[in-house]
Amino acid sequence: AAMKLLAAVQKPPVWRPGDRWIYGVLVGTEQGTKTVEVAEVRDIGNAPFYVLRVGELEHFYTTQLQWAGHARDRKIESRISPPLPWFAWPLEPGRRWTYRGTLQDSTASVQRDDTFLVLGAEVVEVPAGRFNAIKVLHEGDKGDRNEYWYAPDVRSYIKWVWHRGTSSSEELLREFHAASRT
């Protein structure tokens, strides 16, 4: 069956504790697996945040899927202010947004100046299957570049390619397990 390309994705997905994505990861020639699971929705400063468990780290995302920082053993290791907008809704081809903010970790405080552009809709094949996806390009002022494909069917990205100088790495969705929606 032919898949119709997405015109746009109007609003962010709703994540539930128990939603889980398993990715195959390729860094150089090293292969691995990354599991991302929604652990809980936690109120922080009167706003709801998704807490995602990735290995021993907890990552914090707004309900708009903007990344706010991460913790290890309940200790904040990084924070970015304002949160980094990996997505801006509606996601539609040609949409562009910019970000200015500060990333703080234990070693430094770094100003970021990033641009994002929705390149368009694509049908993408990954180990988990074929998906209608919207491709986004992110470029940071420090020379880093990301391309990622958001698929509404799995409420997240199905493919992510990081470029850091001459090196790149890739994540491909292997499995998606949705928490019960009842």
Protein backbone atom coordinates (compact mmCIF):
# COMPACT_ATOMS: atom_id res chain seq x y z
CA ALA A 1 0.00 0.00 0.00
CA ALA A 2 1.33 3.42 -0.91
CA MET A 3 1.87 5.69 2.05
CA LYS A 4 0.62 9.23 1.80
CA LEU A 5 3.12 11.87 2.78
CA LEU A 6 2.25 13.95 5.79
CA ALA A 7 1.16 17.50 5.12
CA ALA A 8 2.03 18.58 8.67
CA VAL A 9 1.91 17.44 12.28
CA GLN A 10 -0.31 19.88 14.13
CA LYS A 11 0.49 19.25 17.76
CA PRO A 12 2.94 17.48 20.04
CA PRO A 13 2.26 13.89 21.05
CA VAL A 14 1.11 12.94 24.51
CA TRP A 15 3.65 10.71 26.23
CA ARG A 16 2.66 8.38 29.04
CA PRO A 17 4.80 6.68 31.67
CA GLY A 18 5.76 3.32 30.18
CA ASP A 19 6.09 4.55 26.57
CA ARG A 20 9.39 3.05 25.39
CA TRP A 21 11.56 3.39 22.30
CA ILE A 22 14.52 1.15 21.50
CA TYR A 23 17.10 2.44 19.03
CA GLY A 24 20.03 0.87 17.30
CA VAL A 25 22.96 3.25 17.59
CA LEU A 26 25.96 3.54 15.30
CA VAL A 27 28.87 5.74 16.41
CA GLY A 28 31.70 5.47 13.93
CA THR A 29 31.95 1.68 13.63
CA GLU A 30 30.69 1.03 17.18
CA GLN A 31 27.19 -0.42 17.37
CA GLY A 32 24.96 -0.33 20.38
CA THR A 33 21.43 0.00 21.67
CA LYS A 34 19.70 2.89 23.39
CA THR A 35 16.44 2.56 25.29
CA VAL A 36 14.37 5.65 26.03
CA GLU A 37 11.45 5.26 28.44
CA VAL A 38 9.00 7.77 29.87
CA ALA A 39 9.44 7.29 33.63
CA GLU A 40 6.98 9.85 34.91
CA VAL A 41 5.38 13.24 34.45
CA ARG A 42 6.72 15.51 37.19
CA ASP A 43 5.72 19.04 38.14
CA ILE A 44 8.79 21.28 38.21
CA GLY A 45 8.22 24.95 38.99
CA ASN A 46 4.45 24.64 38.37
CA ALA A 47 4.89 23.13 34.91
CA PRO A 48 4.60 19.48 33.88
CA PHE A 49 7.78 17.86 32.56
CA TYR A 50 8.30 14.44 31.06
CA VAL A 51 11.09 12.54 32.78
CA LEU A 52 12.74 10.18 30.29
CA ARG A 53 15.06 7.44 31.46
CA VAL A 54 18.00 6.79 29.15
CA GLY A 55 20.42 4.37 30.77
CA GLU A 56 21.32 5.85 34.14
CA LEU A 57 20.33 9.36 33.09
CA GLU A 58 17.05 11.18 33.48
CA HIS A 59 16.27 13.73 30.76
CA PHE A 60 13.66 16.43 31.22
CA TYR A 61 11.35 17.54 28.42
CA THR A 62 8.50 20.02 28.35
CA THR A 63 5.14 18.88 27.02
CA GLN A 64 6.14 20.59 23.74
CA LEU A 65 9.14 18.17 23.60
CA GLN A 66 11.69 20.84 24.40
CA TRP A 67 14.78 19.53 26.19
CA ALA A 68 15.49 21.18 29.55
CA GLY A 69 18.46 19.21 30.90
CA HIS A 70 19.47 15.95 32.52
CA ALA A 71 20.21 14.43 35.91
CA ARG A 72 22.08 11.40 37.24
CA ASP A 73 21.16 9.92 40.62
CA ARG A 74 18.65 12.77 41.10
CA LYS A 75 21.46 15.34 40.75
CA ILE A 76 21.12 17.85 37.90
CA GLU A 77 24.16 17.54 35.60
CA SER A 78 23.06 19.92 32.86
CA ARG A 79 20.35 22.46 32.29
CA ILE A 80 19.50 24.60 29.32
CA SER A 81 17.54 27.80 29.60
CA PRO A 82 15.15 28.31 27.99
CA PRO A 83 14.54 24.65 27.02
CA LEU A 84 15.88 23.66 23.58
CA PRO A 85 13.02 23.41 21.05
CA TRP A 86 13.78 20.27 19.02
CA PHE A 87 10.24 20.70 17.71
CA ALA A 88 7.95 23.65 17.01
CA TRP A 89 4.31 22.87 16.35
CA PRO A 90 2.77 22.59 13.86
CA LEU A 91 5.65 20.80 12.13
CA GLU A 92 5.21 21.78 8.52
CA PRO A 93 7.60 21.90 5.57
CA GLY A 94 9.41 25.23 5.34
CA ARG A 95 8.84 26.14 8.98
CA ARG A 96 11.93 27.66 10.53
CA TRP A 97 12.73 28.71 14.10
CA THR A 98 15.73 29.92 16.00
CA TYR A 99 16.95 29.38 19.53
CA ARG A 100 19.14 31.44 21.82
CA GLY A 101 19.91 30.14 25.25
CA THR A 102 22.47 29.00 27.78
CA LEU A 103 23.63 25.44 28.41
CA GLN A 104 25.14 24.93 31.84
CA ASP A 105 26.95 21.85 33.07
CA SER A 106 29.56 21.17 35.73
CA THR A 107 32.37 22.55 33.57
CA ALA A 108 30.99 25.64 31.85
CA SER A 109 28.14 27.86 30.80
CA VAL A 110 27.84 28.09 27.02
CA GLN A 111 25.69 30.41 24.94
CA ARG A 112 23.87 28.62 22.12
CA ASP A 113 22.51 30.10 18.95
CA ASP A 114 20.74 27.45 16.88
CA THR A 115 18.51 27.30 13.83
CA PHE A 116 15.92 24.71 12.91
CA LEU A 117 14.23 24.06 9.58
CA VAL A 118 11.51 21.56 8.66
CA LEU A 119 12.78 20.14 5.36
CA GLY A 120 9.69 18.16 4.45
CA ALA A 121 7.81 14.90 4.61
CA GLU A 122 9.44 11.56 3.79
CA VAL A 123 8.61 7.89 4.03
CA VAL A 124 11.44 6.39 6.06
CA GLU A 125 12.39 2.75 6.47
CA VAL A 126 13.99 1.75 9.78
CA PRO A 127 14.25 -1.65 11.51
CA ALA A 128 10.89 -0.98 13.25
CA GLY A 129 9.14 -0.56 9.87
CA ARG A 130 8.14 2.08 7.32
CA PHE A 131 6.85 5.39 8.62
CA ASN A 132 5.49 8.68 7.41
CA ALA A 133 7.86 11.21 8.92
CA ILE A 134 8.72 14.89 8.94
CA LYS A 135 12.41 15.69 8.57
CA VAL A 136 13.97 18.48 10.62
CA LEU A 137 17.44 19.98 10.23
CA HIS A 138 19.12 21.56 13.26
CA GLU A 139 22.30 23.59 13.01
CA GLY A 140 24.17 24.85 16.05
CA ASP A 141 26.57 27.76 15.99
CA LYS A 142 29.30 25.46 17.39
CA GLY A 143 29.36 23.52 14.11
CA ASP A 144 27.13 20.66 15.21
CA ARG A 145 24.34 19.53 12.90
CA ASN A 146 21.45 17.14 13.43
CA GLU A 147 18.96 15.67 11.01
CA TYR A 148 16.01 13.86 12.53
CA TRP A 149 12.74 12.37 11.38
CA TYR A 150 9.63 12.65 13.56
CA ALA A 151 6.92 10.02 13.04
CA PRO A 152 3.52 10.66 14.65
CA ASP A 153 2.78 6.91 14.63
CA VAL A 154 5.43 6.35 17.31
CA ARG A 155 5.14 9.81 18.95
CA SER A 156 8.85 10.47 18.56
CA TYR A 157 11.78 10.36 16.17
CA ILE A 158 12.50 7.21 14.19
CA LYS A 159 15.88 8.27 12.82
CA TRP A 160 18.48 10.73 14.06
CA VAL A 161 21.83 11.58 12.46
CA TRP A 162 24.33 13.67 14.43
CA HIS A 163 27.20 15.45 12.71
CA ARG A 164 30.06 16.75 14.89
CA GLY A 165 32.82 18.10 12.69
CA THR A 166 33.93 15.16 10.56
CA SER A 167 32.32 12.48 12.73
CA SER A 168 28.71 11.40 12.64
CA SER A 169 26.50 8.93 14.43
CA GLU A 170 23.05 7.54 13.80
CA GLU A 171 20.09 6.18 15.72
CA LEU A 172 17.40 4.04 14.06
CA LEU A 173 14.21 2.94 15.78
CA ARG A 174 14.08 -0.82 16.36
CA GLU A 175 10.98 -1.07 18.56
CA PHE A 176 8.27 1.12 20.01
CA HIS A 177 6.17 -0.02 22.94
CA ALA A 178 3.25 2.24 23.83
CA ALA A 179 2.02 2.32 27.40
CA SER A 180 -1.62 1.39 27.78
CA ARG A 181 -3.89 4.24 26.70
CA THR A 182 -7.01 3.04 28.57
